[in-house]
């Protein structure tokens, strides 16, 4: 009897894994149709059908004009440039997230906008490097590397000789 129960468990497990793979495949191929805002790929294929709808896009500032700037948006290896009509002060390299009304062929009239300066992007790496240095110093304060054994061993307290 135990052999039959194991066979049934394996069979049910294989069916569940196959169902999970089917659902993952469906999601990967059709998730853009179920987004709250249209994907860049859909806008690029037919911009006139999305004219006047609210969209959310993000990207890197590539050009700055007097009353607008251009962001390069990337969705699944599709690059598309959007022109943002605003007098907000941005600089090339800044990362911008925009929620606004789409105007064909590639304009966005922003309702809300978040600008992350390019300097903030580099500061993430600086903070991480400082944190890594502190971690390494704290580790080697309690441990040392023994080249003969090729292992880390705890340091002995020098005051308890």
Protein backbone atom coordinates (compact mmCIF):
# COMPACT_ATOMS: atom_id res chain seq x y z
CA UNK A 1 0.00 0.00 0.00
CA UNK A 2 2.78 2.59 0.74
CA UNK A 3 4.13 2.22 -2.82
CA UNK A 4 0.75 3.25 -4.29
CA UNK A 5 0.54 6.31 -2.04
CA UNK A 6 4.03 7.49 -3.13
CA UNK A 7 3.08 7.02 -6.81
CA UNK A 8 -0.07 9.13 -6.31
CA UNK A 9 1.91 11.87 -4.54
CA UNK A 10 4.50 11.97 -7.32
CA UNK A 11 1.76 12.07 -9.97
CA UNK A 12 -0.11 14.91 -8.22
CA UNK A 13 3.19 16.76 -7.72
CA UNK A 14 4.01 16.51 -11.45
CA UNK A 15 0.54 17.77 -12.38
CA UNK A 16 0.93 20.75 -10.03
CA UNK A 17 4.38 21.60 -11.41
CA UNK A 18 3.04 21.39 -14.98
CA UNK A 19 0.12 23.67 -14.03
CA UNK A 20 2.53 26.15 -12.43
CA UNK A 21 4.70 26.20 -15.58
CA UNK A 22 1.61 26.82 -17.74
CA UNK A 23 0.54 29.74 -15.52
CA UNK A 24 4.06 31.21 -15.55
CA UNK A 25 4.16 30.99 -19.34
CA UNK A 26 0.75 32.67 -19.64
CA UNK A 27 1.82 35.47 -17.31
CA UNK A 28 5.10 36.05 -19.17
CA UNK A 29 3.37 36.32 -22.56
CA UNK A 30 0.26 38.30 -21.52
CA UNK A 31 1.07 40.40 -18.47
CA UNK A 32 1.19 43.65 -20.48
CA UNK A 33 -2.52 43.36 -21.25
CA UNK A 34 -3.38 43.33 -17.53
CA UNK A 35 -1.29 46.32 -16.39
CA UNK A 36 -2.95 49.34 -14.80
CA UNK A 37 -1.24 51.60 -17.33
CA UNK A 38 -0.28 50.60 -20.89
CA UNK A 39 3.21 49.25 -21.53
CA UNK A 40 5.70 51.02 -23.79
CA UNK A 41 5.41 48.23 -26.36
CA UNK A 42 1.66 48.76 -26.68
CA UNK A 43 2.03 52.55 -26.97
CA UNK A 44 4.76 52.18 -29.58
CA UNK A 45 2.59 49.88 -31.73
CA UNK A 46 -0.49 52.16 -31.80
CA UNK A 47 0.05 55.58 -30.14
CA UNK A 48 -3.23 57.08 -31.42
CA UNK A 49 -5.38 54.59 -29.48
CA UNK A 50 -3.81 55.71 -26.17
CA UNK A 51 -4.14 59.46 -26.84
CA UNK A 52 -5.69 61.14 -23.78
CA UNK A 53 -5.23 58.16 -21.43
CA UNK A 54 -3.26 58.25 -18.19
CA UNK A 55 0.08 56.46 -18.38
CA UNK A 56 2.98 55.92 -15.99
CA UNK A 57 6.49 55.88 -17.42
CA UNK A 58 9.98 56.18 -16.09
CA UNK A 59 13.35 56.65 -17.65
CA UNK A 60 16.58 58.55 -17.88
CA UNK A 61 16.67 62.18 -19.02
CA UNK A 62 18.51 62.44 -22.34
CA UNK A 63 17.71 66.02 -23.49
CA UNK A 64 16.56 69.16 -21.70
CA UNK A 65 14.73 72.06 -23.36
CA UNK A 66 13.16 75.28 -22.08
CA UNK A 67 9.66 73.91 -21.49
CA UNK A 68 10.17 70.17 -21.84
CA UNK A 69 12.66 67.34 -21.57
CA UNK A 70 13.08 63.91 -23.12
CA UNK A 71 13.29 60.64 -21.21
CA UNK A 72 14.40 57.32 -22.65
CA UNK A 73 12.07 54.60 -21.35
CA UNK A 74 13.03 50.91 -21.45
CA UNK A 75 10.47 48.10 -21.27
CA UNK A 76 11.69 44.58 -22.07
CA UNK A 77 14.51 45.80 -24.35
CA UNK A 78 12.22 48.28 -26.17
CA UNK A 79 13.55 51.83 -26.12
CA UNK A 80 11.13 54.69 -26.60
CA UNK A 81 11.63 58.41 -26.10
CA UNK A 82 8.89 60.39 -24.37
CA UNK A 83 8.75 64.19 -24.34
CA UNK A 84 7.62 65.53 -20.95
CA UNK A 85 6.00 68.98 -21.11
CA UNK A 86 7.02 70.70 -17.88
CA UNK A 87 9.35 73.41 -16.66
CA UNK A 88 10.65 71.22 -13.83
CA UNK A 89 14.40 71.58 -13.41
CA UNK A 90 16.10 68.35 -14.48
CA UNK A 91 19.53 67.50 -15.86
CA UNK A 92 20.73 64.85 -18.31
CA UNK A 93 21.27 61.56 -16.47
CA UNK A 94 18.55 62.15 -13.87
CA UNK A 95 16.01 59.35 -13.43
CA UNK A 96 12.38 60.49 -13.74
CA UNK A 97 9.08 58.71 -12.99
CA UNK A 98 6.04 60.37 -14.60
CA UNK A 99 2.29 59.86 -14.20
CA UNK A 100 0.32 61.90 -16.71
CA UNK A 101 -1.83 62.20 -19.80
CA UNK A 102 -0.40 60.74 -23.00
CA UNK A 103 -0.57 62.80 -26.20
CA UNK A 104 0.24 61.08 -29.48
CA UNK A 105 2.84 60.37 -30.75
CA UNK A 106 5.16 60.60 -27.70
CA UNK A 107 4.20 63.50 -25.38
CA UNK A 108 3.21 63.26 -21.73
CA UNK A 109 1.50 66.07 -19.79
CA UNK A 110 2.56 65.21 -16.21
CA UNK A 111 0.22 65.15 -13.22
CA UNK A 112 2.80 63.73 -10.81
CA UNK A 113 6.53 63.41 -11.22
CA UNK A 114 9.43 62.06 -9.16
CA UNK A 115 12.95 63.18 -10.08
CA UNK A 116 15.98 61.33 -8.72
CA UNK A 117 19.20 63.24 -9.39
CA UNK A 118 22.06 61.34 -11.01
CA UNK A 119 24.20 62.09 -7.94
CA UNK A 120 21.79 60.08 -5.77
CA UNK A 121 22.34 57.07 -8.01
CA UNK A 122 26.10 57.17 -7.44
CA UNK A 123 25.72 57.79 -3.69
CA UNK A 124 24.11 54.34 -3.35
CA UNK A 125 27.44 52.78 -4.34
CA UNK A 126 29.43 55.06 -2.04
CA UNK A 127 27.24 54.13 0.96
CA UNK A 128 27.52 50.45 0.07
CA UNK A 129 31.32 50.67 -0.11
CA UNK A 130 31.49 52.36 3.31
CA UNK A 131 29.19 49.71 4.78
CA UNK A 132 31.32 46.94 3.28
CA UNK A 133 34.48 48.42 4.81
CA UNK A 134 32.85 48.58 8.25
CA UNK A 135 31.69 44.97 7.89
CA UNK A 136 35.17 43.75 6.90
CA UNK A 137 36.79 45.63 9.83
CA UNK A 138 34.26 44.20 12.30
CA UNK A 139 34.78 40.68 10.92
CA UNK A 140 38.59 40.75 11.05
CA UNK A 141 38.51 42.18 14.56
CA UNK A 142 37.12 38.87 15.81
CA UNK A 143 38.53 36.47 13.21
CA UNK A 144 41.85 35.92 11.47
CA UNK A 145 42.89 33.89 8.44
CA UNK A 146 45.24 30.96 8.98
CA UNK A 147 47.21 30.33 5.77
CA UNK A 148 48.39 26.85 6.88
CA UNK A 149 44.85 25.54 7.43
CA UNK A 150 43.29 27.82 4.79
CA UNK A 151 40.52 28.70 7.23
CA UNK A 152 39.23 31.55 9.36
CA UNK A 153 39.82 31.00 13.05
CA UNK A 154 38.66 33.05 16.04
CA UNK A 155 41.15 35.46 17.56
CA UNK A 156 42.23 34.72 21.11
CA UNK A 157 41.72 37.43 23.67
CA UNK A 158 45.23 38.79 24.36
CA UNK A 159 44.42 39.92 27.93
CA UNK A 160 43.63 36.38 29.20
CA UNK A 161 47.16 34.84 28.83
